[in-house]
């Protein structure tokens, strides 16, 4: 991940969305970089979604934990306020875990109704979705109904 963040510094990125940030044997608390502040849930579980905010960014970034409470650390809602621009909601999703015994993906338990009520929403991440819409060789439609690609 160090190379990704160095590339982000060179390209003057304001935000970097990260999924599965920890390597083997690493702990969330050991993740750092001199150019970025990291935002991840602090509820005692390893985070699957992080955002790195460039210290030089003029963006105000706030995590909206109430929108993703039932998603543990697999979905992150971020309120991003660019200076002089409209508010943007960014959803950082790592969609690889099921919710209890329900068979639903954890990301499905975000408050999507409240999220969609905002005028500008960006959904990004690892959706673990297969679809012939973007890959004609896909043999299955995994997660397609949830992400609206079937």
N, C-alpha and C. Protein backbone atom coordinates (compact mmCIF):
# COMPACT_ATOMS: atom_id res chain seq x y z
N UNK A 1 0.82 -1.18 0.00
CA UNK A 1 0.00 0.00 0.00
C UNK A 1 0.87 1.26 0.00
N UNK A 2 2.08 1.15 0.49
CA UNK A 2 2.98 2.30 0.52
C UNK A 2 3.15 2.90 -0.88
N UNK A 3 3.31 2.04 -1.89
CA UNK A 3 3.49 2.52 -3.27
C UNK A 3 2.24 3.25 -3.76
N UNK A 4 1.06 2.75 -3.38
CA UNK A 4 -0.19 3.40 -3.79
C UNK A 4 -0.26 4.80 -3.19
N UNK A 5 0.08 4.93 -1.92
CA UNK A 5 0.01 6.24 -1.27
C UNK A 5 1.08 7.19 -1.80
N UNK A 6 2.24 6.68 -2.13
CA UNK A 6 3.27 7.53 -2.74
C UNK A 6 2.81 8.03 -4.10
N UNK A 7 2.16 7.16 -4.87
CA UNK A 7 1.59 7.57 -6.15
C UNK A 7 0.52 8.63 -5.94
N UNK A 8 -0.30 8.47 -4.90
CA UNK A 8 -1.34 9.45 -4.58
C UNK A 8 -0.73 10.81 -4.23
N UNK A 9 0.39 10.80 -3.53
CA UNK A 9 1.08 12.06 -3.19
C UNK A 9 1.57 12.72 -4.47
N UNK A 10 2.21 11.97 -5.35
CA UNK A 10 2.72 12.51 -6.61
C UNK A 10 1.61 13.09 -7.47
N UNK A 11 0.44 12.45 -7.44
CA UNK A 11 -0.69 12.89 -8.26
C UNK A 11 -1.61 13.87 -7.54
N UNK A 12 -1.19 14.30 -6.36
CA UNK A 12 -1.93 15.28 -5.55
C UNK A 12 -3.36 14.84 -5.25
N UNK A 13 -3.53 13.56 -4.95
CA UNK A 13 -4.86 13.04 -4.61
C UNK A 13 -5.30 13.59 -3.26
N UNK A 14 -6.55 13.98 -3.17
CA UNK A 14 -7.11 14.44 -1.91
C UNK A 14 -7.52 13.27 -1.03
N UNK A 15 -8.12 12.25 -1.66
CA UNK A 15 -8.62 11.09 -0.93
C UNK A 15 -8.18 9.81 -1.62
N UNK A 16 -7.92 8.77 -0.82
CA UNK A 16 -7.64 7.45 -1.34
C UNK A 16 -8.54 6.49 -0.59
N UNK A 17 -9.42 5.78 -1.32
CA UNK A 17 -10.27 4.77 -0.71
C UNK A 17 -9.51 3.46 -0.70
N UNK A 18 -9.53 2.79 0.44
CA UNK A 18 -8.72 1.58 0.63
C UNK A 18 -9.62 0.46 1.12
N UNK A 19 -9.44 -0.73 0.58
CA UNK A 19 -10.09 -1.93 1.08
C UNK A 19 -9.00 -2.93 1.43
N UNK A 20 -9.21 -3.71 2.48
CA UNK A 20 -8.25 -4.72 2.94
C UNK A 20 -6.86 -4.11 3.10
N UNK A 21 -6.74 -3.14 3.96
CA UNK A 21 -5.48 -2.40 4.07
C UNK A 21 -4.39 -3.14 4.84
N UNK A 22 -4.74 -4.07 5.68
CA UNK A 22 -3.75 -4.73 6.53
C UNK A 22 -3.17 -5.96 5.85
N UNK A 23 -1.87 -6.06 5.93
CA UNK A 23 -1.20 -7.25 5.45
C UNK A 23 -1.19 -8.32 6.53
N UNK A 24 -0.63 -9.45 6.23
CA UNK A 24 -0.56 -10.56 7.18
C UNK A 24 0.14 -10.14 8.46
N UNK A 25 -0.52 -10.32 9.58
CA UNK A 25 0.07 -10.02 10.88
C UNK A 25 0.05 -8.55 11.28
N UNK A 26 -0.43 -7.65 10.40
CA UNK A 26 -0.49 -6.23 10.74
C UNK A 26 -1.74 -5.93 11.53
N UNK A 27 -1.67 -4.86 12.29
CA UNK A 27 -2.83 -4.38 13.01
C UNK A 27 -3.22 -3.03 12.44
N UNK A 28 -4.50 -2.68 12.53
CA UNK A 28 -4.97 -1.39 12.00
C UNK A 28 -4.17 -0.23 12.56
N UNK A 29 -3.83 -0.30 13.84
CA UNK A 29 -3.16 0.82 14.50
C UNK A 29 -1.74 1.06 13.99
N UNK A 30 -1.18 0.11 13.24
CA UNK A 30 0.18 0.30 12.74
C UNK A 30 0.21 1.01 11.38
N UNK A 31 -0.95 1.24 10.79
CA UNK A 31 -1.01 1.86 9.47
C UNK A 31 -0.79 3.36 9.60
N UNK A 32 0.18 3.89 8.88
CA UNK A 32 0.44 5.33 8.91
C UNK A 32 1.16 5.75 7.63
N UNK A 33 1.11 7.04 7.36
CA UNK A 33 1.83 7.63 6.24
C UNK A 33 1.97 9.12 6.55
N UNK A 34 3.12 9.71 6.31
CA UNK A 34 3.31 11.11 6.69
C UNK A 34 2.43 12.11 5.94
N UNK A 35 1.89 11.74 4.78
CA UNK A 35 1.08 12.67 3.99
C UNK A 35 -0.42 12.50 4.19
N UNK A 36 -0.83 11.47 4.94
CA UNK A 36 -2.25 11.16 5.03
C UNK A 36 -2.71 10.93 6.46
N UNK A 37 -3.95 11.35 6.69
CA UNK A 37 -4.68 11.00 7.90
C UNK A 37 -5.60 9.86 7.51
N UNK A 38 -5.68 8.82 8.32
CA UNK A 38 -6.53 7.67 8.03
C UNK A 38 -7.80 7.75 8.85
N UNK A 39 -8.91 7.41 8.20
CA UNK A 39 -10.20 7.34 8.89
C UNK A 39 -10.72 5.93 8.72
N UNK A 40 -10.94 5.27 9.85
CA UNK A 40 -11.55 3.94 9.84
C UNK A 40 -12.33 3.80 11.14
N UNK A 41 -13.26 2.88 11.15
CA UNK A 41 -14.07 2.67 12.35
C UNK A 41 -13.17 2.29 13.52
N UNK A 42 -13.58 2.69 14.69
CA UNK A 42 -12.79 2.41 15.88
C UNK A 42 -13.60 1.59 16.87
N UNK A 43 -14.16 0.48 16.39
CA UNK A 43 -14.99 -0.32 17.28
C UNK A 43 -14.32 -1.63 17.68
N UNK A 44 -13.02 -1.69 17.58
CA UNK A 44 -12.28 -2.85 18.05
C UNK A 44 -12.11 -3.97 17.04
N UNK A 45 -12.71 -3.86 15.87
CA UNK A 45 -12.55 -4.88 14.84
C UNK A 45 -11.67 -4.35 13.72
N UNK A 46 -10.97 -5.26 13.07
CA UNK A 46 -10.12 -4.85 11.95
C UNK A 46 -10.96 -4.21 10.87
N UNK A 47 -10.51 -3.08 10.36
CA UNK A 47 -11.24 -2.35 9.34
C UNK A 47 -10.97 -2.96 7.97
N UNK A 48 -12.01 -3.15 7.19
CA UNK A 48 -11.87 -3.58 5.80
C UNK A 48 -11.92 -2.38 4.86
N UNK A 49 -12.50 -1.26 5.32
CA UNK A 49 -12.57 -0.04 4.53
C UNK A 49 -11.91 1.11 5.30
N UNK A 50 -11.05 1.81 4.62
CA UNK A 50 -10.39 2.99 5.17
C UNK A 50 -10.45 4.09 4.13
N UNK A 51 -10.30 5.31 4.56
CA UNK A 51 -10.04 6.40 3.63
C UNK A 51 -8.79 7.12 4.13
N UNK A 52 -7.92 7.44 3.20
CA UNK A 52 -6.73 8.22 3.52
C UNK A 52 -6.99 9.63 2.99
N UNK A 53 -6.92 10.62 3.88
CA UNK A 53 -7.17 12.01 3.51
C UNK A 53 -5.83 12.74 3.53
N UNK A 54 -5.48 13.31 2.40
CA UNK A 54 -4.22 14.05 2.29
C UNK A 54 -4.25 15.23 3.27
N UNK A 55 -3.19 15.38 4.06
CA UNK A 55 -3.12 16.48 5.03
C UNK A 55 -3.25 17.83 4.34
N UNK A 56 -2.84 17.93 3.07
CA UNK A 56 -2.90 19.20 2.33
C UNK A 56 -4.25 19.43 1.65
N UNK A 57 -5.14 18.46 1.75
CA UNK A 57 -6.45 18.58 1.11
C UNK A 57 -7.28 19.67 1.77
N UNK A 58 -8.08 20.32 0.97
CA UNK A 58 -9.02 21.32 1.49
C UNK A 58 -10.40 20.70 1.70
N UNK A 59 -10.48 19.39 1.55
CA UNK A 59 -11.74 18.68 1.75
C UNK A 59 -11.94 18.43 3.24
N UNK A 60 -13.15 18.66 3.68
CA UNK A 60 -13.52 18.28 5.04
C UNK A 60 -14.21 16.92 4.93
N UNK A 61 -13.67 15.91 5.63
CA UNK A 61 -14.18 14.54 5.52
C UNK A 61 -14.64 14.08 6.90
N UNK A 62 -15.88 13.59 6.94
CA UNK A 62 -16.46 13.08 8.18
C UNK A 62 -17.05 11.71 7.91
N UNK A 63 -16.75 10.74 8.76
CA UNK A 63 -17.36 9.43 8.61
C UNK A 63 -18.76 9.45 9.22
N UNK A 64 -19.73 8.94 8.48
CA UNK A 64 -21.12 8.89 8.93
C UNK A 64 -21.45 7.47 9.40
N UNK A 65 -21.00 7.13 10.58
CA UNK A 65 -21.13 5.76 11.09
C UNK A 65 -22.58 5.33 11.26
N UNK A 66 -23.48 6.28 11.49
CA UNK A 66 -24.89 5.92 11.69
C UNK A 66 -25.51 5.33 10.42
N UNK A 67 -24.95 5.60 9.25
CA UNK A 67 -25.49 5.06 7.99
C UNK A 67 -25.03 3.64 7.71
N UNK A 68 -23.98 3.20 8.40
CA UNK A 68 -23.41 1.88 8.13
C UNK A 68 -23.25 1.06 9.41
N UNK A 69 -24.04 1.36 10.42
CA UNK A 69 -23.87 0.72 11.72
C UNK A 69 -23.89 -0.81 11.64
N UNK A 70 -24.81 -1.39 10.90
CA UNK A 70 -24.94 -2.84 10.81
C UNK A 70 -23.98 -3.49 9.81
N UNK A 71 -23.08 -2.73 9.26
CA UNK A 71 -22.16 -3.25 8.25
C UNK A 71 -20.78 -3.56 8.84
N UNK A 72 -20.64 -3.43 10.13
CA UNK A 72 -19.35 -3.52 10.82
C UNK A 72 -18.33 -2.68 10.07
N UNK A 73 -17.21 -3.25 9.74
CA UNK A 73 -16.15 -2.48 9.08
C UNK A 73 -16.06 -2.74 7.58
N UNK A 74 -17.14 -3.24 7.00
CA UNK A 74 -17.11 -3.60 5.58
C UNK A 74 -17.71 -2.54 4.67
N UNK A 75 -18.30 -1.52 5.23
CA UNK A 75 -18.87 -0.42 4.44
C UNK A 75 -18.63 0.87 5.22
N UNK A 76 -18.21 1.89 4.51
CA UNK A 76 -17.89 3.17 5.14
C UNK A 76 -18.60 4.28 4.39
N UNK A 77 -19.36 5.10 5.13
CA UNK A 77 -20.03 6.26 4.55
C UNK A 77 -19.24 7.51 4.93
N UNK A 78 -18.91 8.30 3.93
CA UNK A 78 -18.10 9.49 4.15
C UNK A 78 -18.82 10.72 3.62
N UNK A 79 -18.90 11.73 4.42
CA UNK A 79 -19.42 13.03 3.99
C UNK A 79 -18.21 13.87 3.61
N UNK A 80 -18.14 14.26 2.35
CA UNK A 80 -17.00 15.01 1.84
C UNK A 80 -17.48 16.39 1.41
N UNK A 81 -16.85 17.40 1.96
CA UNK A 81 -17.22 18.78 1.66
C UNK A 81 -16.02 19.48 1.02
N UNK A 82 -15.98 19.52 -0.32
CA UNK A 82 -14.93 20.28 -1.00
C UNK A 82 -15.15 21.78 -0.74
N UNK A 83 -14.08 22.49 -0.55
CA UNK A 83 -14.19 23.93 -0.28
C UNK A 83 -14.89 24.62 -1.44
N UNK A 84 -15.99 25.32 -1.16
CA UNK A 84 -16.72 26.06 -2.18
C UNK A 84 -17.60 25.23 -3.08
N UNK A 85 -17.78 23.93 -2.76
CA UNK A 85 -18.60 23.05 -3.60
C UNK A 85 -19.65 22.35 -2.75
N UNK A 86 -20.56 21.68 -3.43
CA UNK A 86 -21.63 20.95 -2.75
C UNK A 86 -21.10 19.70 -2.04
N UNK A 87 -21.80 19.31 -1.02
CA UNK A 87 -21.49 18.13 -0.24
C UNK A 87 -21.63 16.87 -1.10
N UNK A 88 -20.73 15.90 -0.89
CA UNK A 88 -20.75 14.63 -1.60
C UNK A 88 -20.73 13.52 -0.56
N UNK A 89 -21.53 12.49 -0.78
CA UNK A 89 -21.46 11.29 0.05
C UNK A 89 -20.69 10.25 -0.74
N UNK A 90 -19.65 9.70 -0.15
CA UNK A 90 -18.87 8.64 -0.79
C UNK A 90 -19.04 7.37 0.04
N UNK A 91 -19.47 6.32 -0.63
CA UNK A 91 -19.60 5.01 0.01
C UNK A 91 -18.41 4.16 -0.38
N UNK A 92 -17.65 3.74 0.60
CA UNK A 92 -16.48 2.88 0.41
C UNK A 92 -16.90 1.48 0.85
N UNK A 93 -16.97 0.54 -0.11
CA UNK A 93 -17.57 -0.76 0.15
C UNK A 93 -16.55 -1.88 -0.09
N UNK A 94 -16.51 -2.79 0.86
CA UNK A 94 -15.79 -4.06 0.69
C UNK A 94 -16.83 -5.15 0.90
N UNK A 95 -17.35 -5.70 -0.19
CA UNK A 95 -18.53 -6.56 -0.14
C UNK A 95 -18.14 -8.03 -0.25
N UNK A 96 -17.59 -8.58 0.83
CA UNK A 96 -17.18 -9.99 0.79
C UNK A 96 -17.68 -10.80 1.98
N UNK A 97 -18.40 -10.20 2.89
CA UNK A 97 -18.87 -10.93 4.06
C UNK A 97 -20.39 -10.92 4.13
N UNK A 98 -20.92 -12.01 4.60
CA UNK A 98 -22.37 -12.16 4.77
C UNK A 98 -22.80 -11.65 6.14
N UNK A 99 -24.04 -11.23 6.24
CA UNK A 99 -24.62 -10.70 7.47
C UNK A 99 -25.25 -11.85 8.25
N UNK A 100 -24.61 -12.26 9.33
CA UNK A 100 -25.17 -13.32 10.18
C UNK A 100 -25.60 -14.53 9.36
N UNK A 101 -26.74 -15.08 9.67
CA UNK A 101 -27.24 -16.24 8.95
C UNK A 101 -28.23 -15.87 7.87
N UNK A 102 -28.37 -14.58 7.56
CA UNK A 102 -29.41 -14.14 6.63
C UNK A 102 -29.07 -14.41 5.16
N UNK A 103 -27.81 -14.55 4.85
CA UNK A 103 -27.40 -14.71 3.46
C UNK A 103 -27.19 -13.39 2.75
N UNK A 104 -27.61 -12.28 3.36
CA UNK A 104 -27.38 -10.95 2.78
C UNK A 104 -25.91 -10.57 2.94
N UNK A 105 -25.45 -9.72 2.04
CA UNK A 105 -24.11 -9.16 2.18
C UNK A 105 -24.18 -8.01 3.20
N UNK A 106 -23.09 -7.81 3.94
CA UNK A 106 -23.06 -6.75 4.94
C UNK A 106 -23.39 -5.39 4.33
N UNK A 107 -22.93 -5.13 3.12
CA UNK A 107 -23.19 -3.83 2.48
C UNK A 107 -24.68 -3.57 2.28
N UNK A 108 -25.48 -4.62 2.18
CA UNK A 108 -26.92 -4.46 2.01
C UNK A 108 -27.57 -3.85 3.24
N UNK A 109 -26.89 -3.90 4.37
CA UNK A 109 -27.47 -3.40 5.62
C UNK A 109 -27.10 -1.95 5.91
N UNK A 110 -26.47 -1.29 4.96
CA UNK A 110 -26.28 0.17 5.08
C UNK A 110 -27.65 0.83 4.92
N UNK A 111 -27.77 2.04 5.40
CA UNK A 111 -29.03 2.77 5.27
C UNK A 111 -29.06 3.43 3.88
N UNK A 112 -29.32 2.61 2.86
CA UNK A 112 -29.26 3.08 1.48
C UNK A 112 -30.34 4.12 1.18
N UNK A 113 -31.48 4.05 1.86
CA UNK A 113 -32.53 5.06 1.65
C UNK A 113 -32.03 6.44 2.06
N UNK A 114 -31.39 6.53 3.22
CA UNK A 114 -30.84 7.81 3.67
C UNK A 114 -29.68 8.25 2.78
N UNK A 115 -28.88 7.30 2.36
CA UNK A 115 -27.74 7.63 1.48
C UNK A 115 -28.25 8.20 0.16
N UNK A 116 -29.25 7.56 -0.43
CA UNK A 116 -29.80 7.98 -1.72
C UNK A 116 -30.54 9.31 -1.65
N UNK A 117 -30.86 9.75 -0.45
CA UNK A 117 -31.57 11.03 -0.32
C UNK A 117 -30.65 12.23 -0.57
N UNK A 118 -29.35 11.99 -0.61
CA UNK A 118 -28.40 13.06 -0.90
C UNK A 118 -28.32 13.29 -2.41
N UNK A 119 -28.02 14.51 -2.80
CA UNK A 119 -28.03 14.83 -4.23
C UNK A 119 -26.79 14.30 -4.96
N UNK A 120 -25.68 14.12 -4.26
CA UNK A 120 -24.46 13.62 -4.92
C UNK A 120 -23.91 12.45 -4.10
N UNK A 121 -23.93 11.26 -4.70
CA UNK A 121 -23.45 10.06 -4.03
C UNK A 121 -22.51 9.31 -4.97
N UNK A 122 -21.38 8.90 -4.45
CA UNK A 122 -20.44 8.07 -5.20
C UNK A 122 -20.29 6.77 -4.44
N UNK A 123 -20.45 5.63 -5.13
CA UNK A 123 -20.27 4.32 -4.53
C UNK A 123 -19.04 3.70 -5.18
N UNK A 124 -18.06 3.34 -4.35
CA UNK A 124 -16.81 2.79 -4.86
C UNK A 124 -16.34 1.67 -3.95
N UNK A 125 -15.47 0.84 -4.46
CA UNK A 125 -14.89 -0.20 -3.62
C UNK A 125 -14.81 -1.53 -4.33
N UNK A 126 -14.71 -2.56 -3.52
CA UNK A 126 -14.64 -3.94 -4.00
C UNK A 126 -16.01 -4.56 -3.78
N UNK A 127 -16.85 -4.54 -4.80
CA UNK A 127 -18.21 -5.03 -4.67
C UNK A 127 -18.30 -6.55 -4.82
N UNK A 128 -17.21 -7.18 -5.25
CA UNK A 128 -17.19 -8.63 -5.44
C UNK A 128 -18.35 -9.06 -6.34
N UNK A 129 -18.63 -8.26 -7.34
CA UNK A 129 -19.75 -8.54 -8.24
C UNK A 129 -19.24 -8.99 -9.60
N UNK A 130 -19.89 -10.01 -10.11
CA UNK A 130 -19.61 -10.47 -11.47
C UNK A 130 -20.82 -10.12 -12.32
N UNK A 131 -20.56 -9.57 -13.49
CA UNK A 131 -21.66 -9.22 -14.37
C UNK A 131 -21.19 -9.26 -15.81
N UNK A 132 -22.03 -9.75 -16.68
CA UNK A 132 -21.72 -9.74 -18.10
C UNK A 132 -21.83 -8.33 -18.66
N UNK A 133 -22.38 -7.42 -17.87
CA UNK A 133 -22.48 -6.02 -18.30
C UNK A 133 -21.08 -5.43 -18.54
N UNK A 134 -20.10 -5.80 -17.72
CA UNK A 134 -18.74 -5.28 -17.90
C UNK A 134 -17.70 -6.36 -18.17
N UNK A 135 -18.11 -7.64 -18.10
CA UNK A 135 -17.19 -8.72 -18.41
C UNK A 135 -17.97 -9.81 -19.13
N UNK A 136 -17.85 -9.85 -20.45
CA UNK A 136 -18.63 -10.80 -21.24
C UNK A 136 -18.28 -12.24 -20.94
N UNK A 137 -17.13 -12.48 -20.32
CA UNK A 137 -16.73 -13.85 -19.98
C UNK A 137 -17.25 -14.29 -18.61
N UNK A 138 -17.91 -13.41 -17.88
CA UNK A 138 -18.44 -13.78 -16.56
C UNK A 138 -19.45 -14.90 -16.71
N UNK A 139 -19.29 -15.93 -15.90
CA UNK A 139 -20.18 -17.08 -15.97
C UNK A 139 -21.33 -16.99 -14.96
N UNK A 140 -21.17 -16.11 -13.96
CA UNK A 140 -22.22 -15.97 -12.95
C UNK A 140 -22.54 -14.49 -12.78
N UNK A 141 -23.61 -14.24 -12.05
CA UNK A 141 -24.04 -12.87 -11.79
C UNK A 141 -23.96 -12.58 -10.29
N UNK A 142 -22.87 -12.98 -9.67
CA UNK A 142 -22.71 -12.83 -8.22
C UNK A 142 -22.88 -11.37 -7.80
N UNK A 143 -23.76 -11.13 -6.83
CA UNK A 143 -24.09 -9.81 -6.28
C UNK A 143 -24.79 -8.90 -7.27
N UNK A 144 -25.09 -9.37 -8.45
CA UNK A 144 -25.71 -8.53 -9.46
C UNK A 144 -27.07 -7.96 -9.04
N UNK A 145 -27.96 -8.75 -8.43
CA UNK A 145 -29.25 -8.16 -8.04
C UNK A 145 -29.12 -6.98 -7.08
N UNK A 146 -28.23 -7.10 -6.10
CA UNK A 146 -28.05 -6.02 -5.14
C UNK A 146 -27.48 -4.76 -5.79
N UNK A 147 -26.52 -4.91 -6.66
CA UNK A 147 -25.89 -3.74 -7.29
C UNK A 147 -26.60 -3.29 -8.55
N UNK A 148 -27.70 -3.91 -8.89
CA UNK A 148 -28.53 -3.44 -10.01
C UNK A 148 -27.93 -3.71 -11.37
N UNK A 149 -27.22 -4.83 -11.52
CA UNK A 149 -26.57 -5.11 -12.79
C UNK A 149 -27.14 -6.35 -13.47
N UNK A 150 -28.26 -6.86 -12.99
CA UNK A 150 -28.78 -8.08 -13.62
C UNK A 150 -29.86 -7.72 -14.63
